[in-house]
Amino acid sequence: MRTVADALALPLNTFDAAVLDLELEDGSISPFALKLWDADTPFVFATGYGRDRLPRELKSVPCLEEPVSSQTLVDSLIARTAMLGRPLAVECAVRRAQTVR
């Protein structure tokens, strides 16, 4: 998605988790992030902007500084989904363990 308007138009039941940048073409992703927060949808931020741009309500969400490795993204999402008690965390952890064997 390129704009906050695009993000806000997405139905929340179409995905299990999200990785968000803090800024899109038309402004801050905060309204969409708060929508995810209210829906208990796990997400993390991956951004070149600092944590200081996070709204107070979202300070507990992991904010990874770009560039970030895909492994770090996966690990952060697994941790976040586990914290929220979402099954995605278990599914991802099992898949990852199977590929290591």
C-alpha atoms as a PDB file:
ATOM      1  CA  MET A   1       0.000   0.000   0.000  1.00  0.00           C
ATOM      2  CA  ARG A   2       1.226   3.445  -0.812  1.00  0.00           C
ATOM      3  CA  THR A   3      -1.175   5.719   1.027  1.00  0.00           C
ATOM      4  CA  VAL A   4      -2.875   5.885   4.395  1.00  0.00           C
ATOM      5  CA  ALA A   5      -6.221   6.015   2.577  1.00  0.00           C
ATOM      6  CA  ASP A   6      -5.380   2.704   0.858  1.00  0.00           C
ATOM      7  CA  ALA A   7      -4.450   1.176   4.208  1.00  0.00           C
ATOM      8  CA  LEU A   8      -7.617   2.357   5.923  1.00  0.00           C
ATOM      9  CA  ALA A   9      -9.709   0.862   3.109  1.00  0.00           C
ATOM     10  CA  LEU A  10      -8.311  -2.643   3.705  1.00  0.00           C
ATOM     11  CA  PRO A  11     -10.627  -5.089   5.466  1.00  0.00           C
ATOM     12  CA  LEU A  12      -8.853  -6.258   8.608  1.00  0.00           C
ATOM     13  CA  ASN A  13      -9.820  -9.896   8.100  1.00  0.00           C
ATOM     14  CA  THR A  14      -7.628 -10.251   4.999  1.00  0.00           C
ATOM     15  CA  PHE A  15      -4.319 -10.714   6.826  1.00  0.00           C
ATOM     16  CA  ASP A  16      -2.926 -12.176  10.040  1.00  0.00           C
ATOM     17  CA  ALA A  17      -0.131  -9.687  10.765  1.00  0.00           C
ATOM     18  CA  ALA A  18       1.530  -6.625   9.248  1.00  0.00           C
ATOM     19  CA  VAL A  19       4.845  -4.829   8.850  1.00  0.00           C
ATOM     20  CA  LEU A  20       4.322  -1.070   8.632  1.00  0.00           C
ATOM     21  CA  ASP A  21       6.453   1.909   7.695  1.00  0.00           C
ATOM     22  CA  LEU A  22       5.755   4.997   9.809  1.00  0.00           C
ATOM     23  CA  GLU A  23       5.306   7.289   6.810  1.00  0.00           C
ATOM     24  CA  LEU A  24       3.445   6.695   3.546  1.00  0.00           C
ATOM     25  CA  GLU A  25       3.041   8.992   0.543  1.00  0.00           C
ATOM     26  CA  ASP A  26       0.217  10.949   2.165  1.00  0.00           C
ATOM     27  CA  GLY A  27       1.315  10.975   5.799  1.00  0.00           C
ATOM     28  CA  SER A  28       1.625   8.981   8.993  1.00  0.00           C
ATOM     29  CA  ILE A  29       0.480   5.353   9.138  1.00  0.00           C
ATOM     30  CA  SER A  30      -0.687   5.950  12.738  1.00  0.00           C
ATOM     31  CA  PRO A  31      -4.457   5.926  11.963  1.00  0.00           C
ATOM     32  CA  PHE A  32      -4.128   2.490  10.343  1.00  0.00           C
ATOM     33  CA  ALA A  33      -1.783   1.217  13.062  1.00  0.00           C
ATOM     34  CA  LEU A  34      -4.336   2.238  15.681  1.00  0.00           C
ATOM     35  CA  LYS A  35      -7.026   0.400  13.693  1.00  0.00           C
ATOM     36  CA  LEU A  36      -4.840  -2.747  13.785  1.00  0.00           C
ATOM     37  CA  TRP A  37      -4.185  -2.188  17.488  1.00  0.00           C
ATOM     38  CA  ASP A  38      -7.913  -1.960  18.244  1.00  0.00           C
ATOM     39  CA  ALA A  39      -8.511  -5.172  16.250  1.00  0.00           C
ATOM     40  CA  ASP A  40      -5.706  -7.029  18.103  1.00  0.00           C
ATOM     41  CA  THR A  41      -3.931  -7.633  14.788  1.00  0.00           C
ATOM     42  CA  PRO A  42      -0.198  -8.139  15.370  1.00  0.00           C
ATOM     43  CA  PHE A  43       2.136  -5.712  13.631  1.00  0.00           C
ATOM     44  CA  VAL A  44       5.607  -4.238  13.847  1.00  0.00           C
ATOM     45  CA  PHE A  45       7.107  -1.117  12.372  1.00  0.00           C
ATOM     46  CA  ALA A  46      10.089  -1.250   9.999  1.00  0.00           C
ATOM     47  CA  THR A  47      11.169   2.266   9.144  1.00  0.00           C
ATOM     48  CA  GLY A  48      13.977   4.664   8.480  1.00  0.00           C
ATOM     49  CA  TYR A  49      12.299   7.143  10.822  1.00  0.00           C
ATOM     50  CA  GLY A  50      12.957   7.095  14.535  1.00  0.00           C
ATOM     51  CA  ARG A  51      10.743   5.739  17.317  1.00  0.00           C
ATOM     52  CA  ASP A  52      10.054   9.298  18.380  1.00  0.00           C
ATOM     53  CA  ARG A  53       7.415   9.511  15.628  1.00  0.00           C
ATOM     54  CA  LEU A  54       5.319   6.785  17.255  1.00  0.00           C
ATOM     55  CA  PRO A  55       2.132   7.925  18.963  1.00  0.00           C
ATOM     56  CA  ARG A  56       2.099   7.356  22.725  1.00  0.00           C
ATOM     57  CA  GLU A  57      -0.463   4.546  22.355  1.00  0.00           C
ATOM     58  CA  LEU A  58       1.887   2.578  20.083  1.00  0.00           C
ATOM     59  CA  LYS A  59       5.176   2.906  21.984  1.00  0.00           C
ATOM     60  CA  SER A  60       5.037  -0.772  22.997  1.00  0.00           C
ATOM     61  CA  VAL A  61       4.999  -1.952  19.358  1.00  0.00           C
ATOM     62  CA  PRO A  62       8.430  -3.056  18.108  1.00  0.00           C
ATOM     63  CA  CYS A  63       9.998  -0.456  15.824  1.00  0.00           C
ATOM     64  CA  LEU A  64      12.817  -1.878  13.704  1.00  0.00           C
ATOM     65  CA  GLU A  65      15.234   0.474  12.029  1.00  0.00           C
ATOM     66  CA  GLU A  66      15.742  -0.030   8.295  1.00  0.00           C
ATOM     67  CA  PRO A  67      17.573  -1.684   6.766  1.00  0.00           C
ATOM     68  CA  VAL A  68      16.315  -4.744   8.601  1.00  0.00           C
ATOM     69  CA  SER A  69      16.906  -8.390   7.738  1.00  0.00           C
ATOM     70  CA  SER A  70      14.018 -10.659   6.836  1.00  0.00           C
ATOM     71  CA  GLN A  71      14.996 -12.910   9.766  1.00  0.00           C
ATOM     72  CA  THR A  72      14.680 -10.004  12.187  1.00  0.00           C
ATOM     73  CA  LEU A  73      11.249  -9.180  10.745  1.00  0.00           C
ATOM     74  CA  VAL A  74      10.108 -12.796  11.115  1.00  0.00           C
ATOM     75  CA  ASP A  75      11.462 -13.039  14.663  1.00  0.00           C
ATOM     76  CA  SER A  76       9.775  -9.769  15.647  1.00  0.00           C
ATOM     77  CA  LEU A  77       6.432 -10.817  14.194  1.00  0.00           C
ATOM     78  CA  ILE A  78       6.626 -14.208  15.896  1.00  0.00           C
ATOM     79  CA  ALA A  79       7.313 -12.509  19.227  1.00  0.00           C
ATOM     80  CA  ARG A  80       4.541  -9.977  18.700  1.00  0.00           C
ATOM     81  CA  THR A  81       1.957 -12.576  17.676  1.00  0.00           C
ATOM     82  CA  ALA A  82       2.930 -14.769  20.619  1.00  0.00           C
ATOM     83  CA  MET A  83       2.498 -11.830  22.967  1.00  0.00           C
ATOM     84  CA  LEU A  84      -1.022 -11.304  21.626  1.00  0.00           C
ATOM     85  CA  GLY A  85      -1.837 -15.020  21.804  1.00  0.00           C
ATOM     86  CA  ARG A  86      -2.335 -15.359  18.056  1.00  0.00           C
ATOM     87  CA  PRO A  87      -1.884 -18.766  16.335  1.00  0.00           C
ATOM     88  CA  LEU A  88       0.320 -17.314  13.598  1.00  0.00           C
ATOM     89  CA  ALA A  89       3.241 -17.253  16.030  1.00  0.00           C
ATOM     90  CA  VAL A  90       3.017 -20.971  16.666  1.00  0.00           C
ATOM     91  CA  GLU A  91       2.616 -21.774  12.966  1.00  0.00           C
ATOM     92  CA  CYS A  92       5.628 -19.671  11.984  1.00  0.00           C
ATOM     93  CA  ALA A  93       7.797 -21.095  14.744  1.00  0.00           C
ATOM     94  CA  VAL A  94       6.968 -24.675  13.720  1.00  0.00           C
ATOM     95  CA  ARG A  95       7.736 -23.971  10.039  1.00  0.00           C
ATOM     96  CA  ARG A  96      11.014 -22.334  10.950  1.00  0.00           C
ATOM     97  CA  ALA A  97      12.040 -25.220  13.193  1.00  0.00           C
ATOM     98  CA  GLN A  98      11.278 -27.707  10.404  1.00  0.00           C
ATOM     99  CA  THR A  99      13.540 -25.862   7.944  1.00  0.00           C
ATOM    100  CA  VAL A 100      16.441 -25.890  10.434  1.00  0.00           C
ATOM    101  CA  ARG A 101      16.379 -29.674  10.842  1.00  0.00           C
END
